[in-house]
Amino acid sequence: MKRLLNEPIQFFVGDVIRLKKPHACGGFDWSVHRLGLDIGLQCTTCRRRIMLPRLETERRFRLFVERGDPSTAIPILRPEMAETGDDQ
């Protein structure tokens, strides 16, 4: 399934993702432990925790190694995707 370029990637808590560049320890895989505007990631090799902005995470994202629990999904709209105007 192809996604549109402006469509956000749906992350779940528990996902294991692979990023384009390695961490300083040499690991490429990260587990998602927090979702929101910033995404909390934990290196699966050295257990170091970091926070990356969602757009930065999506830019560095390569593939899903393992998918987490979909019940943890939250609807995400990027600021540029939000509707502008009043609903009267």
C-alpha atoms as a PDB file:
ATOM      1  CA  MET A   1       0.000   0.000   0.000  1.00  0.00           C
ATOM      2  CA  LYS A   2       1.471   3.336  -1.060  1.00  0.00           C
ATOM      3  CA  ARG A   3       0.844   6.396   1.032  1.00  0.00           C
ATOM      4  CA  LEU A   4       0.507   9.946  -0.174  1.00  0.00           C
ATOM      5  CA  LEU A   5       3.478  12.225   0.399  1.00  0.00           C
ATOM      6  CA  ASN A   6       1.516  14.565   2.668  1.00  0.00           C
ATOM      7  CA  GLU A   7      -0.148  11.742   4.617  1.00  0.00           C
ATOM      8  CA  PRO A   8       1.356  11.192   8.106  1.00  0.00           C
ATOM      9  CA  ILE A   9       2.774   7.769   8.972  1.00  0.00           C
ATOM     10  CA  GLN A  10       0.600   5.945  11.510  1.00  0.00           C
ATOM     11  CA  PHE A  11       2.847   4.923  14.426  1.00  0.00           C
ATOM     12  CA  PHE A  12       1.717   2.786  17.387  1.00  0.00           C
ATOM     13  CA  VAL A  13       3.274   2.359  20.820  1.00  0.00           C
ATOM     14  CA  GLY A  14       5.345  -0.812  20.611  1.00  0.00           C
ATOM     15  CA  ASP A  15       6.329  -0.387  16.965  1.00  0.00           C
ATOM     16  CA  VAL A  16       9.936  -1.217  16.133  1.00  0.00           C
ATOM     17  CA  ILE A  17      11.109   1.029  13.316  1.00  0.00           C
ATOM     18  CA  ARG A  18      14.320   1.264  11.318  1.00  0.00           C
ATOM     19  CA  LEU A  19      15.792   4.695  10.648  1.00  0.00           C
ATOM     20  CA  LYS A  20      18.052   5.670   7.752  1.00  0.00           C
ATOM     21  CA  LYS A  21      21.208   6.378   9.756  1.00  0.00           C
ATOM     22  CA  PRO A  22      22.639   4.342  12.642  1.00  0.00           C
ATOM     23  CA  HIS A  23      22.735   5.454  16.268  1.00  0.00           C
ATOM     24  CA  ALA A  24      26.182   6.089  17.794  1.00  0.00           C
ATOM     25  CA  CYS A  25      26.106   2.530  19.197  1.00  0.00           C
ATOM     26  CA  GLY A  26      25.636   1.124  15.679  1.00  0.00           C
ATOM     27  CA  GLY A  27      21.955   0.173  15.971  1.00  0.00           C
ATOM     28  CA  PHE A  28      19.401   1.099  13.309  1.00  0.00           C
ATOM     29  CA  ASP A  29      16.230  -0.111  15.101  1.00  0.00           C
ATOM     30  CA  TRP A  30      14.165   1.909  17.574  1.00  0.00           C
ATOM     31  CA  SER A  31      11.050   1.037  19.576  1.00  0.00           C
ATOM     32  CA  VAL A  32       8.276   3.621  19.893  1.00  0.00           C
ATOM     33  CA  HIS A  33       7.350   4.243  23.529  1.00  0.00           C
ATOM     34  CA  ARG A  34       5.532   7.611  23.347  1.00  0.00           C
ATOM     35  CA  LEU A  35       3.305   9.248  20.724  1.00  0.00           C
ATOM     36  CA  GLY A  36       2.282  12.822  20.180  1.00  0.00           C
ATOM     37  CA  LEU A  37       3.751  15.798  18.389  1.00  0.00           C
ATOM     38  CA  ASP A  38       7.105  14.427  19.512  1.00  0.00           C
ATOM     39  CA  ILE A  39       7.762  10.695  19.293  1.00  0.00           C
ATOM     40  CA  GLY A  40       9.642   8.931  22.073  1.00  0.00           C
ATOM     41  CA  LEU A  41      12.066   6.333  20.765  1.00  0.00           C
ATOM     42  CA  GLN A  42      14.312   3.813  22.498  1.00  0.00           C
ATOM     43  CA  CYS A  43      17.334   2.289  20.761  1.00  0.00           C
ATOM     44  CA  THR A  44      16.886  -1.486  20.722  1.00  0.00           C
ATOM     45  CA  THR A  45      20.670  -1.985  20.920  1.00  0.00           C
ATOM     46  CA  CYS A  46      21.797   0.256  23.813  1.00  0.00           C
ATOM     47  CA  ARG A  47      18.383   1.222  25.340  1.00  0.00           C
ATOM     48  CA  ARG A  48      19.093   4.986  25.019  1.00  0.00           C
ATOM     49  CA  ARG A  49      15.876   7.040  24.918  1.00  0.00           C
ATOM     50  CA  ILE A  50      15.385  10.089  22.719  1.00  0.00           C
ATOM     51  CA  MET A  51      12.546  12.360  21.637  1.00  0.00           C
ATOM     52  CA  LEU A  52      12.247  13.379  17.993  1.00  0.00           C
ATOM     53  CA  PRO A  53       9.675  15.682  16.436  1.00  0.00           C
ATOM     54  CA  ARG A  54       7.127  13.713  14.398  1.00  0.00           C
ATOM     55  CA  LEU A  55       8.184  15.293  11.098  1.00  0.00           C
ATOM     56  CA  GLU A  56      11.849  14.488  11.767  1.00  0.00           C
ATOM     57  CA  THR A  57      10.932  10.890  12.650  1.00  0.00           C
ATOM     58  CA  GLU A  58       8.927  10.551   9.431  1.00  0.00           C
ATOM     59  CA  ARG A  59      11.800  12.014   7.407  1.00  0.00           C
ATOM     60  CA  ARG A  60      14.324   9.545   8.911  1.00  0.00           C
ATOM     61  CA  PHE A  61      11.923   6.561   8.793  1.00  0.00           C
ATOM     62  CA  ARG A  62      12.861   3.654   6.519  1.00  0.00           C
ATOM     63  CA  LEU A  63      10.585   0.694   7.453  1.00  0.00           C
ATOM     64  CA  PHE A  64       8.606  -1.086  10.153  1.00  0.00           C
ATOM     65  CA  VAL A  65      10.502  -4.025  11.657  1.00  0.00           C
ATOM     66  CA  GLU A  66       7.571  -4.944  13.917  1.00  0.00           C
ATOM     67  CA  ARG A  67       4.143  -3.410  14.469  1.00  0.00           C
ATOM     68  CA  GLY A  68       2.756  -2.519  17.888  1.00  0.00           C
ATOM     69  CA  ASP A  69      -0.778  -2.416  19.285  1.00  0.00           C
ATOM     70  CA  PRO A  70      -3.213  -0.455  17.033  1.00  0.00           C
ATOM     71  CA  SER A  71      -5.408   0.394  20.047  1.00  0.00           C
ATOM     72  CA  THR A  72      -2.745   2.940  21.062  1.00  0.00           C
ATOM     73  CA  ALA A  73      -3.252   4.924  17.851  1.00  0.00           C
ATOM     74  CA  ILE A  74      -4.149   8.583  18.132  1.00  0.00           C
ATOM     75  CA  PRO A  75      -5.406  10.691  15.228  1.00  0.00           C
ATOM     76  CA  ILE A  76      -2.589  12.946  14.040  1.00  0.00           C
ATOM     77  CA  LEU A  77      -2.961  15.935  11.800  1.00  0.00           C
ATOM     78  CA  ARG A  78       0.052  17.962  10.902  1.00  0.00           C
ATOM     79  CA  PRO A  79      -0.459  21.724  11.331  1.00  0.00           C
ATOM     80  CA  GLU A  80      -0.393  22.259   7.552  1.00  0.00           C
ATOM     81  CA  MET A  81      -3.145  19.627   7.134  1.00  0.00           C
ATOM     82  CA  ALA A  82      -5.536  21.214   9.651  1.00  0.00           C
ATOM     83  CA  GLU A  83      -8.564  22.962   8.226  1.00  0.00           C
ATOM     84  CA  THR A  84      -8.613  26.718   8.425  1.00  0.00           C
ATOM     85  CA  GLY A  85     -11.855  28.597   8.552  1.00  0.00           C
ATOM     86  CA  ASP A  86     -14.895  28.613  10.785  1.00  0.00           C
ATOM     87  CA  ASP A  87     -17.537  25.886  10.815  1.00  0.00           C
ATOM     88  CA  GLN A  88     -20.605  28.085  11.250  1.00  0.00           C
END
